[in-house]
Structures are given as C-alpha cells and as structure tokens.
Amino acid sequence: MSVAACADETCPVPSPDGRTDAVTGHLWARGTSLARGHPTHLSPAGFGPAGAGRAARFSPLTGVSHAYVARVETAALLETALRDVGGPDRTVYPPMLAGWSWGRVTTTADLRLADLRDGALAALEIRPDQLTTCSPRHYRCTGAWASALHTAGFDGAVWHSRQATMHRDALNARGGGLAAALLTHVAVEVAAVWSPPADQRVLVADPSGPPRPLLDEDGRPDQLVLELAVLLDITVEA
C-alpha cells in the first residue's frame, strides 16, 4: 500500500503505518568522523533552521532541525550541493556550487539511527527503489517515513547513497569502466540527523582545517569537485 497522501496511483513508497515498529536502530558511536556538504553560511557542524530547507528524502520535518552527513566527502557532496547532477545533462554549473562548502565533523555523542540500509530494507521486505532510491517526486512520501521514524524516537535515519547508484547506472549506460565497477562494489552510508531528539551540539567541526567553499572567490571549483567530476565523467562548467 502506498502512502495515502500521494496523488500518484503508481507511488512505490509503502505506507509507514504498522512498519516502523520493525525498523531496527543502527549506532553511530561518539567520535565517529563524518563528511558534510553544507550551506556556507552554516558551520560544518551547524543544523539548518527547524522545518526549513528544500524538500529532501527525509527532511524537513515541522519543528525539527536537520543535518545531512556521510561517511565520505564525495557522497556528502552528491547528496547535497550536487544532488541534481545526473540524467542526460551530467554537468556541474557554477550556480550549483555557489553558497556551498564542505568539511568534516565528529560526533560528540552516540546517534541511534533508523537503519534503512539495503540489507535492513530487505528484512522489512522493502526494495531500495521503494524508499531510499525512489524519485525525488516522492519526497513527500519518504517524508512520511521520516516523520514516523522521528516520532518513534530515532535520532535520524541512515541509508545507502542513491547518488552512487544513479551515477553507476549512468556510467554503465555510457560503457562502464573502472568508476562504474568501483561504485558497484561500494555502498556508502549517508544519514539525516534530526534535532530534536539529537542535541544540536552532537556534531563538532574537525579542528584539522576550516570548511572549504565549493567555489572560490575567483569562481574556480574546489579540487574535490574537479576530482569527483573526473571519477564520474561529469563536466564542470567554468
């Protein structure tokens, strides 16, 4: 059964009603090092305003702040600033980078996350394309899951990056190659952290260096963006 609020009769997202009790918790322990793509006006450790921001897979929630984080820098960028790169036009334009930075953070407390990684979804008899890799047109539907899991007391949700899967498929369509093979064998964890229940001090900026803007004052993309573009066969417009 699809989410009741969805106007699309072919909606793939099942209703969370009666299902969230079966979702297990996955612990990210205190001291976990994570990467984050974030608006430049926020620190790497800063949460966005409660209930604000453009619609994403598991945010925003009414009265709840959120922060998206990932295990690796590339996933952090693909799930935030570069999430619209893909499909026929695999191009990064300067406006997509302006106002975004990336940095690393460390957790200051344990985070109990709703486990929506591929293996956990299989145990729930849910396919990734029904929840964690479905089209952005169903963010309202996946948001219903976020609301239910938040009500259940989870600090956030963790899943395997849709972006990695999307770029793997695009590369395979263009002939595959080493990058496609790499993405086939690497499942990258990304998470949305909600506050409350998590304390907004649960993330602290890595002292090893300041956040780096994705576009410098002269309009040049950060080296990480250029390296990611080469890996994924993406064009970066000057």
C-alpha atoms as a PDB file:
ATOM      1  CA  MET A   1       0.000   0.000   0.000  1.00  0.00           C
ATOM      2  CA  SER A   2       1.396   3.384  -0.996  1.00  0.00           C
ATOM      3  CA  VAL A   3       1.463   6.484   1.155  1.00  0.00           C
ATOM      4  CA  ALA A   4      -2.125   7.714   1.355  1.00  0.00           C
ATOM      5  CA  ALA A   5      -1.254  11.379   0.743  1.00  0.00           C
ATOM      6  CA  CYS A   6       0.385  10.683  -2.631  1.00  0.00           C
ATOM      7  CA  ALA A   7      -1.643  11.654  -5.686  1.00  0.00           C
ATOM      8  CA  ASP A   8       0.300   9.205  -7.852  1.00  0.00           C
ATOM      9  CA  GLU A   9      -1.556   5.901  -8.075  1.00  0.00           C
ATOM     10  CA  THR A  10       1.726   4.189  -9.014  1.00  0.00           C
ATOM     11  CA  CYS A  11       3.574   5.548  -5.963  1.00  0.00           C
ATOM     12  CA  PRO A  12       6.212   2.963  -4.990  1.00  0.00           C
ATOM     13  CA  VAL A  13       6.597   4.143  -1.386  1.00  0.00           C
ATOM     14  CA  PRO A  14       4.760   1.884   1.080  1.00  0.00           C
ATOM     15  CA  SER A  15       2.884   3.428   3.963  1.00  0.00           C
ATOM     16  CA  PRO A  16       4.943   3.566   7.175  1.00  0.00           C
ATOM     17  CA  ASP A  17       1.836   2.663   9.182  1.00  0.00           C
ATOM     18  CA  GLY A  18       2.481  -0.558  11.059  1.00  0.00           C
ATOM     19  CA  ARG A  19       6.012  -0.874   9.661  1.00  0.00           C
ATOM     20  CA  THR A  20       8.182   1.439  11.726  1.00  0.00           C
ATOM     21  CA  ASP A  21       7.993  -0.818  14.777  1.00  0.00           C
ATOM     22  CA  ALA A  22      10.062  -3.340  12.811  1.00  0.00           C
ATOM     23  CA  VAL A  23      12.793  -0.825  11.927  1.00  0.00           C
ATOM     24  CA  THR A  24      15.972  -1.506  13.879  1.00  0.00           C
ATOM     25  CA  GLY A  25      18.462   1.027  15.197  1.00  0.00           C
ATOM     26  CA  HIS A  26      21.994   1.442  13.880  1.00  0.00           C
ATOM     27  CA  LEU A  27      24.542   3.112  16.153  1.00  0.00           C
ATOM     28  CA  TRP A  28      26.990   5.754  15.060  1.00  0.00           C
ATOM     29  CA  ALA A  29      29.149   5.949  18.147  1.00  0.00           C
ATOM     30  CA  ARG A  30      30.554   9.040  19.765  1.00  0.00           C
ATOM     31  CA  GLY A  31      33.761  10.042  17.994  1.00  0.00           C
ATOM     32  CA  THR A  32      32.604   8.972  14.511  1.00  0.00           C
ATOM     33  CA  SER A  33      34.250  11.082  11.797  1.00  0.00           C
ATOM     34  CA  LEU A  34      31.890  12.207   9.034  1.00  0.00           C
ATOM     35  CA  ALA A  35      31.836  14.460   5.975  1.00  0.00           C
ATOM     36  CA  ARG A  36      29.304  17.142   5.275  1.00  0.00           C
ATOM     37  CA  GLY A  37      28.297  19.348   2.376  1.00  0.00           C
ATOM     38  CA  HIS A  38      26.608  22.404   3.847  1.00  0.00           C
ATOM     39  CA  PRO A  39      25.451  25.932   3.026  1.00  0.00           C
ATOM     40  CA  THR A  40      28.421  28.258   3.508  1.00  0.00           C
ATOM     41  CA  HIS A  41      26.534  30.435   5.986  1.00  0.00           C
ATOM     42  CA  LEU A  42      26.401  27.433   8.346  1.00  0.00           C
ATOM     43  CA  SER A  43      29.381  25.842  10.043  1.00  0.00           C
ATOM     44  CA  PRO A  44      30.052  22.191   9.117  1.00  0.00           C
ATOM     45  CA  ALA A  45      28.516  21.289  12.472  1.00  0.00           C
ATOM     46  CA  GLY A  46      25.517  23.595  12.175  1.00  0.00           C
ATOM     47  CA  PHE A  47      21.954  22.341  11.792  1.00  0.00           C
ATOM     48  CA  GLY A  48      19.573  24.088   9.421  1.00  0.00           C
ATOM     49  CA  PRO A  49      16.625  26.059  10.852  1.00  0.00           C
ATOM     50  CA  ALA A  50      13.759  23.947  12.181  1.00  0.00           C
ATOM     51  CA  GLY A  51      11.364  22.916   9.468  1.00  0.00           C
ATOM     52  CA  ALA A  52      13.224  24.882   6.771  1.00  0.00           C
ATOM     53  CA  GLY A  53      15.032  23.969   3.573  1.00  0.00           C
ATOM     54  CA  ARG A  54      14.099  22.498   0.213  1.00  0.00           C
ATOM     55  CA  ALA A  55      12.390  19.141   0.250  1.00  0.00           C
ATOM     56  CA  ALA A  56      14.761  16.195   0.584  1.00  0.00           C
ATOM     57  CA  ARG A  57      14.306  12.492   1.126  1.00  0.00           C
ATOM     58  CA  PHE A  58      13.932  12.604   4.912  1.00  0.00           C
ATOM     59  CA  SER A  59      13.564  16.329   5.638  1.00  0.00           C
ATOM     60  CA  PRO A  60      12.407  18.885   6.525  1.00  0.00           C
ATOM     61  CA  LEU A  61      10.158  17.983   9.442  1.00  0.00           C
ATOM     62  CA  THR A  62       7.928  20.504  11.166  1.00  0.00           C
ATOM     63  CA  GLY A  63       9.691  22.000  14.178  1.00  0.00           C
ATOM     64  CA  VAL A  64      12.779  19.829  13.635  1.00  0.00           C
ATOM     65  CA  SER A  65      16.260  20.897  12.502  1.00  0.00           C
ATOM     66  CA  HIS A  66      18.330  18.550  10.384  1.00  0.00           C
ATOM     67  CA  ALA A  67      21.838  17.933   9.088  1.00  0.00           C
ATOM     68  CA  TYR A  68      22.869  15.581   6.271  1.00  0.00           C
ATOM     69  CA  VAL A  69      26.176  13.778   6.770  1.00  0.00           C
ATOM     70  CA  ALA A  70      28.026  10.953   5.047  1.00  0.00           C
ATOM     71  CA  ARG A  71      30.925   8.603   5.619  1.00  0.00           C
ATOM     72  CA  VAL A  72      32.955  10.078   2.742  1.00  0.00           C
ATOM     73  CA  GLU A  73      33.298  13.520   1.162  1.00  0.00           C
ATOM     74  CA  THR A  74      32.118  12.507  -2.315  1.00  0.00           C
ATOM     75  CA  ALA A  75      28.804  11.176  -1.002  1.00  0.00           C
ATOM     76  CA  ALA A  76      28.387  14.248   1.182  1.00  0.00           C
ATOM     77  CA  LEU A  77      28.557  16.469  -1.909  1.00  0.00           C
ATOM     78  CA  LEU A  78      26.446  14.222  -4.134  1.00  0.00           C
ATOM     79  CA  GLU A  79      23.680  14.119  -1.535  1.00  0.00           C
ATOM     80  CA  THR A  80      23.632  17.907  -1.019  1.00  0.00           C
ATOM     81  CA  ALA A  81      25.097  20.527  -3.361  1.00  0.00           C
ATOM     82  CA  LEU A  82      25.426  18.144  -6.337  1.00  0.00           C
ATOM     83  CA  ARG A  83      22.311  16.080  -5.855  1.00  0.00           C
ATOM     84  CA  ASP A  84      20.745  17.409  -9.075  1.00  0.00           C
ATOM     85  CA  VAL A  85      23.633  16.246 -11.272  1.00  0.00           C
ATOM     86  CA  GLY A  86      22.648  13.243 -13.341  1.00  0.00           C
ATOM     87  CA  GLY A  87      20.490  12.080 -16.198  1.00  0.00           C
ATOM     88  CA  PRO A  88      21.245  13.258 -19.737  1.00  0.00           C
ATOM     89  CA  ASP A  89      22.871  16.520 -18.594  1.00  0.00           C
ATOM     90  CA  ARG A  90      25.805  15.434 -16.435  1.00  0.00           C
ATOM     91  CA  THR A  91      27.089  18.958 -15.950  1.00  0.00           C
ATOM     92  CA  VAL A  92      28.027  20.981 -12.885  1.00  0.00           C
ATOM     93  CA  TYR A  93      27.294  24.689 -13.315  1.00  0.00           C
ATOM     94  CA  PRO A  94      28.797  27.431 -11.102  1.00  0.00           C
ATOM     95  CA  PRO A  95      25.424  28.389  -9.528  1.00  0.00           C
ATOM     96  CA  MET A  96      25.175  24.814  -8.220  1.00  0.00           C
ATOM     97  CA  LEU A  97      28.405  25.347  -6.262  1.00  0.00           C
ATOM     98  CA  ALA A  98      27.925  28.935  -5.109  1.00  0.00           C
ATOM     99  CA  GLY A  99      26.966  29.195  -1.462  1.00  0.00           C
ATOM    100  CA  TRP A 100      28.102  25.645  -0.618  1.00  0.00           C
ATOM    101  CA  SER A 101      31.096  24.357   1.318  1.00  0.00           C
ATOM    102  CA  TRP A 102      32.313  21.032   2.598  1.00  0.00           C
ATOM    103  CA  GLY A 103      34.050  19.987   5.782  1.00  0.00           C
ATOM    104  CA  ARG A 104      34.408  17.213   8.283  1.00  0.00           C
ATOM    105  CA  VAL A 105      32.675  16.780  11.629  1.00  0.00           C
ATOM    106  CA  THR A 106      32.890  14.395  14.570  1.00  0.00           C
ATOM    107  CA  THR A 107      30.008  13.126  16.684  1.00  0.00           C
ATOM    108  CA  THR A 108      30.114  14.143  20.346  1.00  0.00           C
ATOM    109  CA  ALA A 109      27.538  11.556  21.442  1.00  0.00           C
ATOM    110  CA  ASP A 110      26.095   8.275  20.229  1.00  0.00           C
ATOM    111  CA  LEU A 111      23.478   8.577  17.472  1.00  0.00           C
ATOM    112  CA  ARG A 112      20.759   5.935  17.217  1.00  0.00           C
ATOM    113  CA  LEU A 113      19.696   5.978  13.585  1.00  0.00           C
ATOM    114  CA  ALA A 114      16.822   4.182  11.896  1.00  0.00           C
ATOM    115  CA  ASP A 115      18.513   1.527   9.761  1.00  0.00           C
ATOM    116  CA  LEU A 116      17.323   1.903   6.164  1.00  0.00           C
ATOM    117  CA  ARG A 117      20.443   0.457   4.557  1.00  0.00           C
ATOM    118  CA  ASP A 118      19.841  -2.065   1.798  1.00  0.00           C
ATOM    119  CA  GLY A 119      20.153  -5.169   3.986  1.00  0.00           C
ATOM    120  CA  ALA A 120      17.841  -3.756   6.641  1.00  0.00           C
ATOM    121  CA  LEU A 121      15.290  -2.815   3.990  1.00  0.00           C
ATOM    122  CA  ALA A 122      15.372  -6.358   2.641  1.00  0.00           C
ATOM    123  CA  ALA A 123      14.473  -7.632   6.109  1.00  0.00           C
ATOM    124  CA  LEU A 124      11.478  -5.274   6.014  1.00  0.00           C
ATOM    125  CA  GLU A 125      10.583  -6.593   2.533  1.00  0.00           C
ATOM    126  CA  ILE A 126      11.110  -3.141   1.038  1.00  0.00           C
ATOM    127  CA  ARG A 127      13.236  -2.544  -2.040  1.00  0.00           C
ATOM    128  CA  PRO A 128      15.579   0.487  -2.119  1.00  0.00           C
ATOM    129  CA  ASP A 129      13.645   1.862  -5.110  1.00  0.00           C
ATOM    130  CA  GLN A 130      10.554   1.928  -2.905  1.00  0.00           C
ATOM    131  CA  LEU A 131      12.116   4.229  -0.325  1.00  0.00           C
ATOM    132  CA  THR A 132      15.797   5.224  -0.381  1.00  0.00           C
ATOM    133  CA  THR A 133      16.380   5.424  -4.155  1.00  0.00           C
ATOM    134  CA  CYS A 134      12.917   6.396  -5.403  1.00  0.00           C
ATOM    135  CA  SER A 135      12.437   9.538  -7.476  1.00  0.00           C
ATOM    136  CA  PRO A 136      12.533  12.978  -5.819  1.00  0.00           C
ATOM    137  CA  ARG A 137       8.910  13.398  -6.940  1.00  0.00           C
ATOM    138  CA  HIS A 138       8.062  11.151  -3.950  1.00  0.00           C
ATOM    139  CA  TYR A 139       9.938  13.137  -1.287  1.00  0.00           C
ATOM    140  CA  ARG A 140       6.583  13.956   0.301  1.00  0.00           C
ATOM    141  CA  CYS A 141       6.055  10.203   0.650  1.00  0.00           C
ATOM    142  CA  THR A 142       9.505   9.422   2.043  1.00  0.00           C
ATOM    143  CA  GLY A 143       8.945  12.392   4.340  1.00  0.00           C
ATOM    144  CA  ALA A 144       6.044  10.462   5.868  1.00  0.00           C
ATOM    145  CA  TRP A 145       8.572   7.785   6.818  1.00  0.00           C
ATOM    146  CA  ALA A 146      10.860  10.412   8.328  1.00  0.00           C
ATOM    147  CA  SER A 147       8.002  11.765  10.413  1.00  0.00           C
ATOM    148  CA  ALA A 148       7.037   8.300  11.648  1.00  0.00           C
ATOM    149  CA  LEU A 149      10.622   7.355  12.492  1.00  0.00           C
ATOM    150  CA  HIS A 150      11.162  10.664  14.268  1.00  0.00           C
ATOM    151  CA  THR A 151       8.042  10.023  16.328  1.00  0.00           C
ATOM    152  CA  ALA A 152       9.472   6.599  17.159  1.00  0.00           C
ATOM    153  CA  GLY A 153      12.422   8.335  18.810  1.00  0.00           C
ATOM    154  CA  PHE A 154      15.259   7.794  16.328  1.00  0.00           C
ATOM    155  CA  ASP A 155      17.954  10.488  16.136  1.00  0.00           C
ATOM    156  CA  GLY A 156      17.856  10.243  12.351  1.00  0.00           C
ATOM    157  CA  ALA A 157      17.958   7.736   9.522  1.00  0.00           C
ATOM    158  CA  VAL A 158      20.867   6.074   7.693  1.00  0.00           C
ATOM    159  CA  TRP A 159      20.750   4.559   4.203  1.00  0.00           C
ATOM    160  CA  HIS A 160      22.955   3.757   1.224  1.00  0.00           C
ATOM    161  CA  SER A 161      23.542   6.680  -1.110  1.00  0.00           C
ATOM    162  CA  ARG A 162      21.121   6.849  -4.030  1.00  0.00           C
ATOM    163  CA  GLN A 163      23.542   9.092  -5.848  1.00  0.00           C
ATOM    164  CA  ALA A 164      26.233   6.418  -6.036  1.00  0.00           C
ATOM    165  CA  THR A 165      23.727   4.005  -7.589  1.00  0.00           C
ATOM    166  CA  MET A 166      22.475   6.643 -10.029  1.00  0.00           C
ATOM    167  CA  HIS A 167      25.954   7.546 -11.249  1.00  0.00           C
ATOM    168  CA  ARG A 168      26.944   3.890 -11.523  1.00  0.00           C
ATOM    169  CA  ASP A 169      23.953   3.262 -13.794  1.00  0.00           C
ATOM    170  CA  ALA A 170      24.741   6.338 -15.881  1.00  0.00           C
ATOM    171  CA  LEU A 171      28.352   5.231 -16.321  1.00  0.00           C
ATOM    172  CA  ASN A 172      27.260   1.733 -17.309  1.00  0.00           C
ATOM    173  CA  ALA A 173      24.952   3.238 -19.923  1.00  0.00           C
ATOM    174  CA  ARG A 174      27.974   5.090 -21.319  1.00  0.00           C
ATOM    175  CA  GLY A 175      30.143   1.993 -21.476  1.00  0.00           C
ATOM    176  CA  GLY A 176      31.018   1.307 -17.844  1.00  0.00           C
ATOM    177  CA  GLY A 177      34.650   1.462 -16.837  1.00  0.00           C
ATOM    178  CA  LEU A 178      36.628   1.399 -13.620  1.00  0.00           C
ATOM    179  CA  ALA A 179      34.490   4.034 -11.877  1.00  0.00           C
ATOM    180  CA  ALA A 180      31.293   2.090 -12.590  1.00  0.00           C
ATOM    181  CA  ALA A 181      32.892  -1.084 -11.249  1.00  0.00           C
ATOM    182  CA  LEU A 182      34.002   0.775  -8.116  1.00  0.00           C
ATOM    183  CA  LEU A 183      30.504   2.131  -7.466  1.00  0.00           C
ATOM    184  CA  THR A 184      29.054  -1.355  -7.955  1.00  0.00           C
ATOM    185  CA  HIS A 185      31.059  -2.715  -5.031  1.00  0.00           C
ATOM    186  CA  VAL A 186      30.978   0.253  -2.650  1.00  0.00           C
ATOM    187  CA  ALA A 187      27.867   1.053  -0.612  1.00  0.00           C
ATOM    188  CA  VAL A 188      28.249   4.454   1.014  1.00  0.00           C
ATOM    189  CA  GLU A 189      26.316   5.380   4.127  1.00  0.00           C
ATOM    190  CA  VAL A 190      24.584   8.739   4.342  1.00  0.00           C
ATOM    191  CA  ALA A 191      22.316   9.969   7.115  1.00  0.00           C
ATOM    192  CA  ALA A 192      19.878  12.677   8.083  1.00  0.00           C
ATOM    193  CA  VAL A 193      20.251  13.671  11.737  1.00  0.00           C
ATOM    194  CA  TRP A 194      17.237  15.283  13.430  1.00  0.00           C
ATOM    195  CA  SER A 195      17.251  17.742  16.314  1.00  0.00           C
ATOM    196  CA  PRO A 196      15.366  17.092  18.449  1.00  0.00           C
ATOM    197  CA  PRO A 197      15.834  14.377  19.583  1.00  0.00           C
ATOM    198  CA  ALA A 198      19.567  14.749  18.890  1.00  0.00           C
ATOM    199  CA  ASP A 199      21.263  17.675  20.579  1.00  0.00           C
ATOM    200  CA  GLN A 200      22.433  20.312  18.083  1.00  0.00           C
ATOM    201  CA  ARG A 201      25.879  20.061  19.706  1.00  0.00           C
ATOM    202  CA  VAL A 202      26.119  16.419  18.620  1.00  0.00           C
ATOM    203  CA  LEU A 203      28.329  17.471  15.692  1.00  0.00           C
ATOM    204  CA  VAL A 204      31.565  19.390  16.134  1.00  0.00           C
ATOM    205  CA  ALA A 205      33.753  20.735  13.329  1.00  0.00           C
ATOM    206  CA  ASP A 206      37.009  18.887  12.704  1.00  0.00           C
ATOM    207  CA  PRO A 207      39.891  21.025  14.013  1.00  0.00           C
ATOM    208  CA  SER A 208      42.243  19.834  11.263  1.00  0.00           C
ATOM    209  CA  GLY A 209      41.102  22.567   8.908  1.00  0.00           C
ATOM    210  CA  PRO A 210      38.354  25.088   8.078  1.00  0.00           C
ATOM    211  CA  PRO A 211      35.487  24.229   5.719  1.00  0.00           C
ATOM    212  CA  ARG A 212      36.289  24.665   2.036  1.00  0.00           C
ATOM    213  CA  PRO A 213      33.942  26.550  -0.332  1.00  0.00           C
ATOM    214  CA  LEU A 214      32.989  24.631  -3.472  1.00  0.00           C
ATOM    215  CA  LEU A 215      33.598  27.786  -5.480  1.00  0.00           C
ATOM    216  CA  ASP A 216      36.407  30.182  -4.578  1.00  0.00           C
ATOM    217  CA  GLU A 217      36.370  33.989  -4.846  1.00  0.00           C
ATOM    218  CA  ASP A 218      37.670  33.782  -8.419  1.00  0.00           C
ATOM    219  CA  GLY A 219      34.908  31.360  -9.452  1.00  0.00           C
ATOM    220  CA  ARG A 220      37.148  28.274  -9.531  1.00  0.00           C
ATOM    221  CA  PRO A 221      35.705  24.950  -8.334  1.00  0.00           C
ATOM    222  CA  ASP A 222      37.277  23.234  -5.358  1.00  0.00           C
ATOM    223  CA  GLN A 223      39.728  20.433  -6.167  1.00  0.00           C
ATOM    224  CA  LEU A 224      37.365  17.857  -4.651  1.00  0.00           C
ATOM    225  CA  VAL A 225      34.674  18.849  -7.153  1.00  0.00           C
ATOM    226  CA  LEU A 226      37.142  18.502 -10.037  1.00  0.00           C
ATOM    227  CA  GLU A 227      38.343  15.099  -8.864  1.00  0.00           C
ATOM    228  CA  LEU A 228      34.765  13.897  -8.414  1.00  0.00           C
ATOM    229  CA  ALA A 229      33.899  15.103 -11.909  1.00  0.00           C
ATOM    230  CA  VAL A 230      36.753  13.091 -13.402  1.00  0.00           C
ATOM    231  CA  LEU A 231      35.727   9.976 -11.476  1.00  0.00           C
ATOM    232  CA  LEU A 232      32.081  10.183 -12.556  1.00  0.00           C
ATOM    233  CA  ASP A 233      32.632  11.540 -16.089  1.00  0.00           C
ATOM    234  CA  ILE A 234      30.887  14.822 -15.245  1.00  0.00           C
ATOM    235  CA  THR A 235      31.535  18.127 -16.984  1.00  0.00           C
ATOM    236  CA  VAL A 236      32.335  21.167 -14.818  1.00  0.00           C
ATOM    237  CA  GLU A 237      31.443  24.460 -16.471  1.00  0.00           C
ATOM    238  CA  ALA A 238      33.828  27.334 -15.802  1.00  0.00           C
END
